[in-house]
Amino acid sequence: MTQPPAPPITAAVTWVNARTLHVVLKQNGKITDTMQVVISKDGKTVTSTDDGVNAKGEKVHNVEITEKQ
């Protein structure tokens, strides 16, 4: 299976503070996705919040919590 060529995606990554990262993804100059990643004070939990548009053009909002064991 092959996919048609897609325009390149660019990412702008910015540290908001020592534990928060903000990422903006663009394709064809249009923002397609923004993410915020926050690391807990104890460093054991990462919370990622993702707002964007899927391949069908529908808005998506996802929150993922990852814990170190």
PDB file of N, CA and C in Angstrom:
ATOM      1  N   MET A   1       0.850  -1.158   0.000  1.00  0.00           N
ATOM      2  CA  MET A   1       0.000   0.000   0.000  1.00  0.00           C
ATOM      3  C   MET A   1       0.904   1.231   0.000  1.00  0.00           C
ATOM      4  N   THR A   2       0.542   2.209  -0.780  1.00  0.00           N
ATOM      5  CA  THR A   2       1.290   3.460  -0.804  1.00  0.00           C
ATOM      6  C   THR A   2       0.343   4.614  -0.505  1.00  0.00           C
ATOM      7  N   GLN A   3       0.899   5.687  -0.003  1.00  0.00           N
ATOM      8  CA  GLN A   3       0.117   6.871   0.292  1.00  0.00           C
ATOM      9  C   GLN A   3       0.523   7.974  -0.678  1.00  0.00           C
ATOM     10  N   PRO A   4      -0.413   8.823  -1.040  1.00  0.00           N
ATOM     11  CA  PRO A   4      -0.026   9.945  -1.892  1.00  0.00           C
ATOM     12  C   PRO A   4       0.921  10.873  -1.131  1.00  0.00           C
ATOM     13  N   PRO A   5       1.800  11.557  -1.843  1.00  0.00           N
ATOM     14  CA  PRO A   5       2.711  12.462  -1.141  1.00  0.00           C
ATOM     15  C   PRO A   5       1.937  13.565  -0.418  1.00  0.00           C
ATOM     16  N   ALA A   6       2.379  13.890   0.754  1.00  0.00           N
ATOM     17  CA  ALA A   6       1.723  14.929   1.558  1.00  0.00           C
ATOM     18  C   ALA A   6       2.682  16.093   1.736  1.00  0.00           C
ATOM     19  N   PRO A   7       2.150  17.292   1.888  1.00  0.00           N
ATOM     20  CA  PRO A   7       3.021  18.436   2.154  1.00  0.00           C
ATOM     21  C   PRO A   7       3.770  18.228   3.471  1.00  0.00           C
ATOM     22  N   PRO A   8       4.961  18.768   3.588  1.00  0.00           N
ATOM     23  CA  PRO A   8       5.720  18.578   4.825  1.00  0.00           C
ATOM     24  C   PRO A   8       5.026  19.235   6.020  1.00  0.00           C
ATOM     25  N   ILE A   9       5.287  18.669   7.172  1.00  0.00           N
ATOM     26  CA  ILE A   9       4.747  19.189   8.423  1.00  0.00           C
ATOM     27  C   ILE A   9       5.888  19.860   9.174  1.00  0.00           C
ATOM     28  N   THR A  10       5.645  21.058   9.701  1.00  0.00           N
ATOM     29  CA  THR A  10       6.653  21.730  10.509  1.00  0.00           C
ATOM     30  C   THR A  10       6.181  21.770  11.954  1.00  0.00           C
ATOM     31  N   ALA A  11       7.137  21.761  12.876  1.00  0.00           N
ATOM     32  CA  ALA A  11       6.819  21.786  14.302  1.00  0.00           C
ATOM     33  C   ALA A  11       7.576  22.932  14.963  1.00  0.00           C
ATOM     34  N   ALA A  12       6.851  23.729  15.736  1.00  0.00           N
ATOM     35  CA  ALA A  12       7.462  24.781  16.553  1.00  0.00           C
ATOM     36  C   ALA A  12       7.330  24.335  18.007  1.00  0.00           C
ATOM     37  N   VAL A  13       8.469  24.137  18.658  1.00  0.00           N
ATOM     38  CA  VAL A  13       8.493  23.623  20.023  1.00  0.00           C
ATOM     39  C   VAL A  13       9.016  24.716  20.950  1.00  0.00           C
ATOM     40  N   THR A  14       8.261  24.986  22.018  1.00  0.00           N
ATOM     41  CA  THR A  14       8.626  26.047  22.953  1.00  0.00           C
ATOM     42  C   THR A  14       8.485  25.539  24.380  1.00  0.00           C
ATOM     43  N   TRP A  15       9.507  25.780  25.187  1.00  0.00           N
ATOM     44  CA  TRP A  15       9.392  25.500  26.616  1.00  0.00           C
ATOM     45  C   TRP A  15       8.648  26.665  27.257  1.00  0.00           C
ATOM     46  N   VAL A  16       7.538  26.387  27.937  1.00  0.00           N
ATOM     47  CA  VAL A  16       6.761  27.407  28.632  1.00  0.00           C
ATOM     48  C   VAL A  16       7.413  27.688  29.986  1.00  0.00           C
ATOM     49  N   ASN A  17       7.803  26.626  30.653  1.00  0.00           N
ATOM     50  CA  ASN A  17       8.538  26.703  31.913  1.00  0.00           C
ATOM     51  C   ASN A  17       9.327  25.402  32.050  1.00  0.00           C
ATOM     52  N   ALA A  18       9.890  25.139  33.217  1.00  0.00           N
ATOM     53  CA  ALA A  18      10.759  23.971  33.399  1.00  0.00           C
ATOM     54  C   ALA A  18      10.044  22.633  33.216  1.00  0.00           C
ATOM     55  N   ARG A  19       8.709  22.619  33.322  1.00  0.00           N
ATOM     56  CA  ARG A  19       7.980  21.357  33.230  1.00  0.00           C
ATOM     57  C   ARG A  19       6.912  21.336  32.145  1.00  0.00           C
ATOM     58  N   THR A  20       6.804  22.400  31.338  1.00  0.00           N
ATOM     59  CA  THR A  20       5.735  22.484  30.336  1.00  0.00           C
ATOM     60  C   THR A  20       6.311  22.790  28.963  1.00  0.00           C
ATOM     61  N   LEU A  21       5.896  21.982  27.990  1.00  0.00           N
ATOM     62  CA  LEU A  21       6.340  22.114  26.607  1.00  0.00           C
ATOM     63  C   LEU A  21       5.117  22.378  25.739  1.00  0.00           C
ATOM     64  N   HIS A  22       5.213  23.336  24.818  1.00  0.00           N
ATOM     65  CA  HIS A  22       4.111  23.668  23.903  1.00  0.00           C
ATOM     66  C   HIS A  22       4.588  23.386  22.475  1.00  0.00           C
ATOM     67  N   VAL A  23       3.781  22.651  21.708  1.00  0.00           N
ATOM     68  CA  VAL A  23       4.138  22.271  20.344  1.00  0.00           C
ATOM     69  C   VAL A  23       3.022  22.688  19.396  1.00  0.00           C
ATOM     70  N   VAL A  24       3.387  23.336  18.287  1.00  0.00           N
ATOM     71  CA  VAL A  24       2.425  23.716  17.251  1.00  0.00           C
ATOM     72  C   VAL A  24       2.866  23.059  15.951  1.00  0.00           C
ATOM     73  N   LEU A  25       1.971  22.275  15.344  1.00  0.00           N
ATOM     74  CA  LEU A  25       2.252  21.623  14.062  1.00  0.00           C
ATOM     75  C   LEU A  25       1.510  22.355  12.950  1.00  0.00           C
ATOM     76  N   LYS A  26       2.220  22.580  11.833  1.00  0.00           N
ATOM     77  CA  LYS A  26       1.610  23.249  10.682  1.00  0.00           C
ATOM     78  C   LYS A  26       1.845  22.427   9.426  1.00  0.00           C
ATOM     79  N   GLN A  27       0.863  22.481   8.538  1.00  0.00           N
ATOM     80  CA  GLN A  27       0.971  21.867   7.217  1.00  0.00           C
ATOM     81  C   GLN A  27       0.398  22.867   6.224  1.00  0.00           C
ATOM     82  N   ASN A  28       1.153  23.170   5.189  1.00  0.00           N
ATOM     83  CA  ASN A  28       0.756  24.199   4.216  1.00  0.00           C
ATOM     84  C   ASN A  28       0.508  25.547   4.883  1.00  0.00           C
ATOM     85  N   GLY A  29       1.272  25.854   5.933  1.00  0.00           N
ATOM     86  CA  GLY A  29       1.125  27.130   6.617  1.00  0.00           C
ATOM     87  C   GLY A  29      -0.074  27.225   7.533  1.00  0.00           C
ATOM     88  N   LYS A  30      -0.852  26.165   7.659  1.00  0.00           N
ATOM     89  CA  LYS A  30      -2.057  26.153   8.492  1.00  0.00           C
ATOM     90  C   LYS A  30      -1.820  25.288   9.730  1.00  0.00           C
ATOM     91  N   ILE A  31      -2.200  25.804  10.895  1.00  0.00           N
ATOM     92  CA  ILE A  31      -2.049  25.029  12.126  1.00  0.00           C
ATOM     93  C   ILE A  31      -2.990  23.832  12.079  1.00  0.00           C
ATOM     94  N   THR A  32      -2.423  22.640  12.233  1.00  0.00           N
ATOM     95  CA  THR A  32      -3.224  21.422  12.218  1.00  0.00           C
ATOM     96  C   THR A  32      -3.337  20.789  13.601  1.00  0.00           C
ATOM     97  N   ASP A  33      -2.418  21.157  14.510  1.00  0.00           N
ATOM     98  CA  ASP A  33      -2.402  20.492  15.801  1.00  0.00           C
ATOM     99  C   ASP A  33      -1.628  21.345  16.801  1.00  0.00           C
ATOM    100  N   THR A  34      -2.119  21.419  18.030  1.00  0.00           N
ATOM    101  CA  THR A  34      -1.356  22.019  19.123  1.00  0.00           C
ATOM    102  C   THR A  34      -1.336  21.031  20.272  1.00  0.00           C
ATOM    103  N   MET A  35      -0.186  20.955  20.917  1.00  0.00           N
ATOM    104  CA  MET A  35      -0.031  20.031  22.034  1.00  0.00           C
ATOM    105  C   MET A  35       0.609  20.759  23.208  1.00  0.00           C
ATOM    106  N   GLN A  36       0.201  20.358  24.401  1.00  0.00           N
ATOM    107  CA  GLN A  36       0.856  20.839  25.599  1.00  0.00           C
ATOM    108  C   GLN A  36       1.215  19.616  26.422  1.00  0.00           C
ATOM    109  N   VAL A  37       2.481  19.547  26.821  1.00  0.00           N
ATOM    110  CA  VAL A  37       2.990  18.416  27.585  1.00  0.00           C
ATOM    111  C   VAL A  37       3.477  18.949  28.924  1.00  0.00           C
ATOM    112  N   VAL A  38       2.937  18.391  30.013  1.00  0.00           N
ATOM    113  CA  VAL A  38       3.293  18.852  31.352  1.00  0.00           C
ATOM    114  C   VAL A  38       3.838  17.673  32.149  1.00  0.00           C
ATOM    115  N   ILE A  39       5.012  17.884  32.753  1.00  0.00           N
ATOM    116  CA  ILE A  39       5.642  16.875  33.608  1.00  0.00           C
ATOM    117  C   ILE A  39       5.345  17.259  35.059  1.00  0.00           C
ATOM    118  N   SER A  40       4.889  16.292  35.843  1.00  0.00           N
ATOM    119  CA  SER A  40       4.561  16.560  37.244  1.00  0.00           C
ATOM    120  C   SER A  40       5.817  16.953  38.026  1.00  0.00           C
ATOM    121  N   LYS A  41       5.620  17.587  39.181  1.00  0.00           N
ATOM    122  CA  LYS A  41       6.749  18.026  40.012  1.00  0.00           C
ATOM    123  C   LYS A  41       7.651  16.872  40.412  1.00  0.00           C
ATOM    124  N   ASP A  42       7.040  15.710  40.682  1.00  0.00           N
ATOM    125  CA  ASP A  42       7.856  14.559  41.092  1.00  0.00           C
ATOM    126  C   ASP A  42       8.447  13.806  39.897  1.00  0.00           C
ATOM    127  N   GLY A  43       8.113  14.231  38.672  1.00  0.00           N
ATOM    128  CA  GLY A  43       8.680  13.625  37.474  1.00  0.00           C
ATOM    129  C   GLY A  43       8.107  12.269  37.112  1.00  0.00           C
ATOM    130  N   LYS A  44       7.059  11.831  37.791  1.00  0.00           N
ATOM    131  CA  LYS A  44       6.511  10.501  37.555  1.00  0.00           C
ATOM    132  C   LYS A  44       5.309  10.473  36.616  1.00  0.00           C
ATOM    133  N   THR A  45       4.719  11.642  36.329  1.00  0.00           N
ATOM    134  CA  THR A  45       3.523  11.693  35.492  1.00  0.00           C
ATOM    135  C   THR A  45       3.698  12.731  34.383  1.00  0.00           C
ATOM    136  N   VAL A  46       3.312  12.351  33.176  1.00  0.00           N
ATOM    137  CA  VAL A  46       3.317  13.269  32.042  1.00  0.00           C
ATOM    138  C   VAL A  46       1.882  13.346  31.519  1.00  0.00           C
ATOM    139  N   THR A  47       1.365  14.562  31.398  1.00  0.00           N
ATOM    140  CA  THR A  47       0.023  14.784  30.865  1.00  0.00           C
ATOM    141  C   THR A  47       0.159  15.516  29.534  1.00  0.00           C
ATOM    142  N   SER A  48      -0.361  14.914  28.478  1.00  0.00           N
ATOM    143  CA  SER A  48      -0.316  15.512  27.141  1.00  0.00           C
ATOM    144  C   SER A  48      -1.730  15.864  26.704  1.00  0.00           C
ATOM    145  N   THR A  49      -1.935  17.116  26.309  1.00  0.00           N
ATOM    146  CA  THR A  49      -3.218  17.572  25.802  1.00  0.00           C
ATOM    147  C   THR A  49      -3.028  17.940  24.342  1.00  0.00           C
ATOM    148  N   ASP A  50      -3.850  17.371  23.480  1.00  0.00           N
ATOM    149  CA  ASP A  50      -3.702  17.504  22.035  1.00  0.00           C
ATOM    150  C   ASP A  50      -5.009  18.014  21.435  1.00  0.00           C
ATOM    151  N   ASP A  51      -4.941  19.144  20.751  1.00  0.00           N
ATOM    152  CA  ASP A  51      -6.106  19.702  20.059  1.00  0.00           C
ATOM    153  C   ASP A  51      -5.733  19.897  18.599  1.00  0.00           C
ATOM    154  N   GLY A  52      -6.560  19.367  17.702  1.00  0.00           N
ATOM    155  CA  GLY A  52      -6.243  19.508  16.295  1.00  0.00           C
ATOM    156  C   GLY A  52      -7.372  19.053  15.403  1.00  0.00           C
ATOM    157  N   VAL A  53      -6.976  18.662  14.188  1.00  0.00           N
ATOM    158  CA  VAL A  53      -7.920  18.228  13.169  1.00  0.00           C
ATOM    159  C   VAL A  53      -7.422  16.904  12.614  1.00  0.00           C
ATOM    160  N   ASN A  54      -8.314  15.915  12.485  1.00  0.00           N
ATOM    161  CA  ASN A  54      -7.903  14.625  11.930  1.00  0.00           C
ATOM    162  C   ASN A  54      -7.914  14.667  10.395  1.00  0.00           C
ATOM    163  N   ALA A  55      -7.612  13.548   9.769  1.00  0.00           N
ATOM    164  CA  ALA A  55      -7.523  13.478   8.306  1.00  0.00           C
ATOM    165  C   ALA A  55      -8.850  13.785   7.620  1.00  0.00           C
ATOM    166  N   LYS A  56      -9.958  13.592   8.335  1.00  0.00           N
ATOM    167  CA  LYS A  56     -11.287  13.873   7.772  1.00  0.00           C
ATOM    168  C   LYS A  56     -11.704  15.331   7.978  1.00  0.00           C
ATOM    169  N   GLY A  57     -10.849  16.126   8.641  1.00  0.00           N
ATOM    170  CA  GLY A  57     -11.177  17.520   8.899  1.00  0.00           C
ATOM    171  C   GLY A  57     -11.996  17.737  10.158  1.00  0.00           C
ATOM    172  N   GLU A  58     -12.159  16.689  10.960  1.00  0.00           N
ATOM    173  CA  GLU A  58     -12.941  16.781  12.194  1.00  0.00           C
ATOM    174  C   GLU A  58     -12.039  17.231  13.347  1.00  0.00           C
ATOM    175  N   LYS A  59     -12.587  18.074  14.228  1.00  0.00           N
ATOM    176  CA  LYS A  59     -11.820  18.520  15.386  1.00  0.00           C
ATOM    177  C   LYS A  59     -11.633  17.355  16.347  1.00  0.00           C
ATOM    178  N   VAL A  60     -10.444  17.296  16.937  1.00  0.00           N
ATOM    179  CA  VAL A  60     -10.149  16.265  17.929  1.00  0.00           C
ATOM    180  C   VAL A  60      -9.558  16.916  19.177  1.00  0.00           C
ATOM    181  N   HIS A  61      -9.820  16.306  20.315  1.00  0.00           N
ATOM    182  CA  HIS A  61      -9.264  16.737  21.597  1.00  0.00           C
ATOM    183  C   HIS A  61      -8.921  15.467  22.359  1.00  0.00           C
ATOM    184  N   ASN A  62      -7.650  15.288  22.660  1.00  0.00           N
ATOM    185  CA  ASN A  62      -7.211  14.091  23.359  1.00  0.00           C
ATOM    186  C   ASN A  62      -6.373  14.489  24.570  1.00  0.00           C
ATOM    187  N   VAL A  63      -6.573  13.785  25.664  1.00  0.00           N
ATOM    188  CA  VAL A  63      -5.747  13.963  26.856  1.00  0.00           C
ATOM    189  C   VAL A  63      -5.174  12.586  27.196  1.00  0.00           C
ATOM    190  N   GLU A  64      -3.847  12.536  27.337  1.00  0.00           N
ATOM    191  CA  GLU A  64      -3.179  11.272  27.652  1.00  0.00           C
ATOM    192  C   GLU A  64      -2.339  11.475  28.914  1.00  0.00           C
ATOM    193  N   ILE A  65      -2.496  10.570  29.850  1.00  0.00           N
ATOM    194  CA  ILE A  65      -1.739  10.628  31.089  1.00  0.00           C
ATOM    195  C   ILE A  65      -0.866   9.381  31.170  1.00  0.00           C
ATOM    196  N   THR A  66       0.429   9.613  31.314  1.00  0.00           N
ATOM    197  CA  THR A  66       1.393   8.511  31.386  1.00  0.00           C
ATOM    198  C   THR A  66       2.085   8.570  32.746  1.00  0.00           C
ATOM    199  N   GLU A  67       2.114   7.422  33.435  1.00  0.00           N
ATOM    200  CA  GLU A  67       2.751   7.358  34.752  1.00  0.00           C
ATOM    201  C   GLU A  67       3.921   6.398  34.733  1.00  0.00           C
ATOM    202  N   LYS A  68       5.021   6.830  35.352  1.00  0.00           N
ATOM    203  CA  LYS A  68       6.199   5.977  35.490  1.00  0.00           C
ATOM    204  C   LYS A  68       5.941   4.979  36.610  1.00  0.00           C
ATOM    205  N   GLN A  69       6.306   3.723  36.353  1.00  0.00           N
ATOM    206  CA  GLN A  69       6.078   2.697  37.375  1.00  0.00           C
ATOM    207  C   GLN A  69       7.363   2.237  37.984  1.00  0.00           C
TER     208      GLN A  69
END
